[in-house]
PDB file of N, CA and C in Angstrom:
ATOM      1  N   MET A   1       0.846  -1.178   0.000  1.00  0.00           N
ATOM      2  CA  MET A   1       0.000   0.000   0.000  1.00  0.00           C
ATOM      3  C   MET A   1       0.890   1.239   0.000  1.00  0.00           C
ATOM      4  N   GLU A   2       0.571   2.156  -0.834  1.00  0.00           N
ATOM      5  CA  GLU A   2       1.360   3.363  -0.968  1.00  0.00           C
ATOM      6  C   GLU A   2       0.945   4.403   0.062  1.00  0.00           C
ATOM      7  N   ILE A   3       1.899   5.236   0.438  1.00  0.00           N
ATOM      8  CA  ILE A   3       1.613   6.283   1.411  1.00  0.00           C
ATOM      9  C   ILE A   3       0.686   7.336   0.812  1.00  0.00           C
ATOM     10  N   SER A   4       0.749   7.535  -0.507  1.00  0.00           N
ATOM     11  CA  SER A   4      -0.117   8.536  -1.135  1.00  0.00           C
ATOM     12  C   SER A   4      -1.588   8.134  -1.027  1.00  0.00           C
ATOM     13  N   LEU A   5      -1.858   6.841  -1.145  1.00  0.00           N
ATOM     14  CA  LEU A   5      -3.237   6.370  -0.992  1.00  0.00           C
ATOM     15  C   LEU A   5      -3.727   6.615   0.427  1.00  0.00           C
ATOM     16  N   LEU A   6      -2.877   6.359   1.397  1.00  0.00           N
ATOM     17  CA  LEU A   6      -3.237   6.600   2.789  1.00  0.00           C
ATOM     18  C   LEU A   6      -3.507   8.078   3.040  1.00  0.00           C
ATOM     19  N   LEU A   7      -2.686   8.947   2.470  1.00  0.00           N
ATOM     20  CA  LEU A   7      -2.892  10.379   2.642  1.00  0.00           C
ATOM     21  C   LEU A   7      -4.173  10.860   1.961  1.00  0.00           C
ATOM     22  N   LYS A   8      -4.510  10.267   0.819  1.00  0.00           N
ATOM     23  CA  LYS A   8      -5.772  10.611   0.150  1.00  0.00           C
ATOM     24  C   LYS A   8      -6.964  10.216   1.016  1.00  0.00           C
ATOM     25  N   ILE A   9      -6.895   9.052   1.629  1.00  0.00           N
ATOM     26  CA  ILE A   9      -7.985   8.580   2.488  1.00  0.00           C
ATOM     27  C   ILE A   9      -8.136   9.499   3.696  1.00  0.00           C
ATOM     28  N   VAL A  10      -7.012   9.885   4.285  1.00  0.00           N
ATOM     29  CA  VAL A  10      -7.055  10.806   5.428  1.00  0.00           C
ATOM     30  C   VAL A  10      -7.646  12.147   5.008  1.00  0.00           C
ATOM     31  N   GLY A  11      -7.268  12.632   3.834  1.00  0.00           N
ATOM     32  CA  GLY A  11      -7.808  13.898   3.345  1.00  0.00           C
ATOM     33  C   GLY A  11      -9.310  13.847   3.140  1.00  0.00           C
ATOM     34  N   VAL A  12      -9.786  12.778   2.539  1.00  0.00           N
ATOM     35  CA  VAL A  12     -11.232  12.618   2.343  1.00  0.00           C
ATOM     36  C   VAL A  12     -11.940  12.545   3.698  1.00  0.00           C
ATOM     37  N   GLY A  13     -11.344  11.824   4.625  1.00  0.00           N
ATOM     38  CA  GLY A  13     -11.943  11.712   5.950  1.00  0.00           C
ATOM     39  C   GLY A  13     -12.044  13.042   6.667  1.00  0.00           C
ATOM     40  N   MET A  14     -11.009  13.849   6.560  1.00  0.00           N
ATOM     41  CA  MET A  14     -11.034  15.159   7.212  1.00  0.00           C
ATOM     42  C   MET A  14     -12.074  16.080   6.586  1.00  0.00           C
ATOM     43  N   ILE A  15     -12.152  16.074   5.262  1.00  0.00           N
ATOM     44  CA  ILE A  15     -13.141  16.916   4.576  1.00  0.00           C
ATOM     45  C   ILE A  15     -14.560  16.484   4.938  1.00  0.00           C
ATOM     46  N   VAL A  16     -14.784  15.179   4.955  1.00  0.00           N
ATOM     47  CA  VAL A  16     -16.112  14.661   5.295  1.00  0.00           C
ATOM     48  C   VAL A  16     -16.465  14.998   6.747  1.00  0.00           C
ATOM     49  N   ALA A  17     -15.493  14.886   7.652  1.00  0.00           N
ATOM     50  CA  ALA A  17     -15.756  15.184   9.062  1.00  0.00           C
ATOM     51  C   ALA A  17     -16.124  16.650   9.261  1.00  0.00           C
ATOM     52  N   VAL A  18     -15.409  17.542   8.599  1.00  0.00           N
ATOM     53  CA  VAL A  18     -15.714  18.970   8.719  1.00  0.00           C
ATOM     54  C   VAL A  18     -17.079  19.280   8.126  1.00  0.00           C
ATOM     55  N   ALA A  19     -17.363  18.735   6.947  1.00  0.00           N
ATOM     56  CA  ALA A  19     -18.662  18.964   6.319  1.00  0.00           C
ATOM     57  C   ALA A  19     -19.790  18.407   7.175  1.00  0.00           C
ATOM     58  N   HIS A  20     -19.565  17.240   7.777  1.00  0.00           N
ATOM     59  CA  HIS A  20     -20.579  16.638   8.645  1.00  0.00           C
ATOM     60  C   HIS A  20     -20.866  17.536   9.852  1.00  0.00           C
ATOM     61  N   GLN A  21     -19.822  18.034  10.473  1.00  0.00           N
ATOM     62  CA  GLN A  21     -20.004  18.904  11.634  1.00  0.00           C
ATOM     63  C   GLN A  21     -20.722  20.194  11.262  1.00  0.00           C
ATOM     64  N   ILE A  22     -20.353  20.791  10.136  1.00  0.00           N
ATOM     65  CA  ILE A  22     -21.002  22.030   9.704  1.00  0.00           C
ATOM     66  C   ILE A  22     -22.481  21.794   9.432  1.00  0.00           C
ATOM     67  N   LEU A  23     -22.792  20.701   8.747  1.00  0.00           N
ATOM     68  CA  LEU A  23     -24.194  20.413   8.427  1.00  0.00           C
ATOM     69  C   LEU A  23     -24.997  20.078   9.684  1.00  0.00           C
ATOM     70  N   CYS A  24     -24.393  19.388  10.637  1.00  0.00           N
ATOM     71  CA  CYS A  24     -25.106  19.079  11.880  1.00  0.00           C
ATOM     72  C   CYS A  24     -25.404  20.343  12.663  1.00  0.00           C
ATOM     73  N   LYS A  25     -24.451  21.258  12.729  1.00  0.00           N
ATOM     74  CA  LYS A  25     -24.659  22.525  13.450  1.00  0.00           C
ATOM     75  C   LYS A  25     -25.716  23.380  12.771  1.00  0.00           C
ATOM     76  N   ALA A  26     -25.865  23.227  11.458  1.00  0.00           N
ATOM     77  CA  ALA A  26     -26.858  23.993  10.714  1.00  0.00           C
ATOM     78  C   ALA A  26     -28.243  23.344  10.774  1.00  0.00           C
ATOM     79  N   GLY A  27     -28.338  22.182  11.427  1.00  0.00           N
ATOM     80  CA  GLY A  27     -29.626  21.519  11.550  1.00  0.00           C
ATOM     81  C   GLY A  27     -30.002  20.659  10.363  1.00  0.00           C
ATOM     82  N   ARG A  28     -29.045  20.282   9.566  1.00  0.00           N
ATOM     83  CA  ARG A  28     -29.304  19.465   8.377  1.00  0.00           C
ATOM     84  C   ARG A  28     -28.681  18.089   8.568  1.00  0.00           C
ATOM     85  N   GLU A  29     -29.268  17.333   9.472  1.00  0.00           N
ATOM     86  CA  GLU A  29     -28.718  16.015   9.807  1.00  0.00           C
ATOM     87  C   GLU A  29     -28.816  15.029   8.646  1.00  0.00           C
ATOM     88  N   GLU A  30     -29.870  15.141   7.841  1.00  0.00           N
ATOM     89  CA  GLU A  30     -30.034  14.218   6.719  1.00  0.00           C
ATOM     90  C   GLU A  30     -28.917  14.404   5.697  1.00  0.00           C
ATOM     91  N   GLN A  31     -28.611  15.668   5.381  1.00  0.00           N
ATOM     92  CA  GLN A  31     -27.535  15.924   4.436  1.00  0.00           C
ATOM     93  C   GLN A  31     -26.182  15.530   5.023  1.00  0.00           C
ATOM     94  N   ALA A  32     -26.016  15.696   6.335  1.00  0.00           N
ATOM     95  CA  ALA A  32     -24.768  15.291   6.987  1.00  0.00           C
ATOM     96  C   ALA A  32     -24.578  13.783   6.877  1.00  0.00           C
ATOM     97  N   THR A  33     -25.655  13.045   7.033  1.00  0.00           N
ATOM     98  CA  THR A  33     -25.580  11.596   6.885  1.00  0.00           C
ATOM     99  C   THR A  33     -25.224  11.212   5.455  1.00  0.00           C
ATOM    100  N   MET A  34     -25.822  11.899   4.485  1.00  0.00           N
ATOM    101  CA  MET A  34     -25.518  11.615   3.087  1.00  0.00           C
ATOM    102  C   MET A  34     -24.064  11.933   2.749  1.00  0.00           C
ATOM    103  N   VAL A  35     -23.527  13.009   3.319  1.00  0.00           N
ATOM    104  CA  VAL A  35     -22.122  13.349   3.096  1.00  0.00           C
ATOM    105  C   VAL A  35     -21.231  12.251   3.666  1.00  0.00           C
ATOM    106  N   SER A  36     -21.568  11.736   4.837  1.00  0.00           N
ATOM    107  CA  SER A  36     -20.779  10.663   5.445  1.00  0.00           C
ATOM    108  C   SER A  36     -20.817   9.395   4.601  1.00  0.00           C
ATOM    109  N   ILE A  37     -21.984   9.047   4.111  1.00  0.00           N
ATOM    110  CA  ILE A  37     -22.114   7.866   3.269  1.00  0.00           C
ATOM    111  C   ILE A  37     -21.342   8.051   1.967  1.00  0.00           C
ATOM    112  N   ALA A  38     -21.432   9.237   1.377  1.00  0.00           N
ATOM    113  CA  ALA A  38     -20.692   9.503   0.139  1.00  0.00           C
ATOM    114  C   ALA A  38     -19.188   9.416   0.374  1.00  0.00           C
ATOM    115  N   GLY A  39     -18.727   9.893   1.513  1.00  0.00           N
ATOM    116  CA  GLY A  39     -17.309   9.790   1.838  1.00  0.00           C
ATOM    117  C   GLY A  39     -16.859   8.352   1.965  1.00  0.00           C
ATOM    118  N   MET A  40     -17.693   7.526   2.587  1.00  0.00           N
ATOM    119  CA  MET A  40     -17.356   6.108   2.709  1.00  0.00           C
ATOM    120  C   MET A  40     -17.300   5.434   1.342  1.00  0.00           C
ATOM    121  N   VAL A  41     -18.221   5.773   0.454  1.00  0.00           N
ATOM    122  CA  VAL A  41     -18.238   5.194  -0.887  1.00  0.00           C
ATOM    123  C   VAL A  41     -16.991   5.616  -1.662  1.00  0.00           C
ATOM    124  N   ILE A  42     -16.606   6.877  -1.536  1.00  0.00           N
ATOM    125  CA  ILE A  42     -15.408   7.363  -2.230  1.00  0.00           C
ATOM    126  C   ILE A  42     -14.174   6.604  -1.762  1.00  0.00           C
ATOM    127  N   VAL A  43     -14.053   6.415  -0.456  1.00  0.00           N
ATOM    128  CA  VAL A  43     -12.894   5.699   0.080  1.00  0.00           C
ATOM    129  C   VAL A  43     -12.917   4.237  -0.369  1.00  0.00           C
ATOM    130  N   LEU A  44     -14.073   3.613  -0.358  1.00  0.00           N
ATOM    131  CA  LEU A  44     -14.156   2.227  -0.821  1.00  0.00           C
ATOM    132  C   LEU A  44     -13.776   2.104  -2.293  1.00  0.00           C
ATOM    133  N   LEU A  45     -14.179   3.065  -3.108  1.00  0.00           N
ATOM    134  CA  LEU A  45     -13.800   3.036  -4.519  1.00  0.00           C
ATOM    135  C   LEU A  45     -12.298   3.215  -4.692  1.00  0.00           C
ATOM    136  N   MET A  46     -11.683   3.987  -3.815  1.00  0.00           N
ATOM    137  CA  MET A  46     -10.230   4.153  -3.863  1.00  0.00           C
ATOM    138  C   MET A  46      -9.519   2.867  -3.459  1.00  0.00           C
ATOM    139  N   LEU A  47     -10.152   2.054  -2.630  1.00  0.00           N
ATOM    140  CA  LEU A  47      -9.529   0.841  -2.113  1.00  0.00           C
ATOM    141  C   LEU A  47      -9.829  -0.411  -2.940  1.00  0.00           C
ATOM    142  N   VAL A  48     -10.658  -0.320  -3.958  1.00  0.00           N
ATOM    143  CA  VAL A  48     -11.052  -1.496  -4.731  1.00  0.00           C
ATOM    144  C   VAL A  48      -9.838  -2.203  -5.330  1.00  0.00           C
ATOM    145  N   ASP A  49      -8.914  -1.445  -5.882  1.00  0.00           N
ATOM    146  CA  ASP A  49      -7.725  -2.050  -6.491  1.00  0.00           C
ATOM    147  C   ASP A  49      -6.881  -2.771  -5.442  1.00  0.00           C
ATOM    148  N   GLU A  50      -6.725  -2.166  -4.285  1.00  0.00           N
ATOM    149  CA  GLU A  50      -5.935  -2.802  -3.220  1.00  0.00           C
ATOM    150  C   GLU A  50      -6.609  -4.081  -2.718  1.00  0.00           C
ATOM    151  N   ILE A  51      -7.928  -4.064  -2.610  1.00  0.00           N
ATOM    152  CA  ILE A  51      -8.655  -5.246  -2.150  1.00  0.00           C
ATOM    153  C   ILE A  51      -8.541  -6.375  -3.175  1.00  0.00           C
ATOM    154  N   SER A  52      -8.641  -6.040  -4.462  1.00  0.00           N
ATOM    155  CA  SER A  52      -8.504  -7.084  -5.489  1.00  0.00           C
ATOM    156  C   SER A  52      -7.096  -7.658  -5.494  1.00  0.00           C
ATOM    157  N   ARG A  53      -6.102  -6.806  -5.264  1.00  0.00           N
ATOM    158  CA  ARG A  53      -4.720  -7.296  -5.181  1.00  0.00           C
ATOM    159  C   ARG A  53      -4.538  -8.213  -3.970  1.00  0.00           C
ATOM    160  N   LEU A  54      -5.200  -7.893  -2.851  1.00  0.00           N
ATOM    161  CA  LEU A  54      -5.148  -8.746  -1.662  1.00  0.00           C
ATOM    162  C   LEU A  54      -5.738 -10.124  -1.949  1.00  0.00           C
ATOM    163  N   PHE A  55      -6.904 -10.165  -2.609  1.00  0.00           N
ATOM    164  CA  PHE A  55      -7.520 -11.448  -2.919  1.00  0.00           C
ATOM    165  C   PHE A  55      -6.669 -12.255  -3.891  1.00  0.00           C
ATOM    166  N   ALA A  56      -6.039 -11.591  -4.854  1.00  0.00           N
ATOM    167  CA  ALA A  56      -5.168 -12.298  -5.792  1.00  0.00           C
ATOM    168  C   ALA A  56      -3.968 -12.889  -5.068  1.00  0.00           C
ATOM    169  N   THR A  57      -3.427 -12.157  -4.122  1.00  0.00           N
ATOM    170  CA  THR A  57      -2.293 -12.674  -3.333  1.00  0.00           C
ATOM    171  C   THR A  57      -2.706 -13.864  -2.493  1.00  0.00           C
ATOM    172  N   ILE A  58      -3.890 -13.797  -1.902  1.00  0.00           N
ATOM    173  CA  ILE A  58      -4.385 -14.924  -1.085  1.00  0.00           C
ATOM    174  C   ILE A  58      -4.608 -16.144  -1.958  1.00  0.00           C
ATOM    175  N   ARG A  59      -5.167 -15.924  -3.174  1.00  0.00           N
ATOM    176  CA  ARG A  59      -5.384 -17.060  -4.087  1.00  0.00           C
ATOM    177  C   ARG A  59      -4.072 -17.729  -4.471  1.00  0.00           C
ATOM    178  N   THR A  60      -3.060 -16.935  -4.779  1.00  0.00           N
ATOM    179  CA  THR A  60      -1.781 -17.525  -5.162  1.00  0.00           C
ATOM    180  C   THR A  60      -1.094 -18.168  -3.962  1.00  0.00           C
ATOM    181  N   LEU A  61      -1.291 -17.613  -2.781  1.00  0.00           N
ATOM    182  CA  LEU A  61      -0.663 -18.161  -1.585  1.00  0.00           C
ATOM    183  C   LEU A  61      -1.208 -19.552  -1.269  1.00  0.00           C
ATOM    184  N   PHE A  62      -2.513 -19.714  -1.389  1.00  0.00           N
ATOM    185  CA  PHE A  62      -3.135 -21.000  -1.069  1.00  0.00           C
ATOM    186  C   PHE A  62      -3.337 -21.878  -2.303  1.00  0.00           C
ATOM    187  N   GLY A  63      -2.954 -21.397  -3.461  1.00  0.00           N
ATOM    188  CA  GLY A  63      -3.058 -22.190  -4.688  1.00  0.00           C
ATOM    189  C   GLY A  63      -4.483 -22.441  -5.121  1.00  0.00           C
ATOM    190  N   LEU A  64      -5.341 -21.476  -4.966  1.00  0.00           N
ATOM    191  CA  LEU A  64      -6.744 -21.645  -5.367  1.00  0.00           C
ATOM    192  C   LEU A  64      -6.978 -21.187  -6.788  1.00  0.00           C
TER     193      LEU A  64
END
């Protein structure tokens, strides 16, 4: 795993956390929840390649 990917994930997390707090203080809890869910989806999409590489390594390790 590259350090740049980790820094991107941290950046997305910080932006989502700030946006969530701002929306909650403004009384828009529904939009804050949607921002949190969107942030999780973005991070998962960033990790898809790493997860597929993990499964490929496990398959080769166990000879499946």
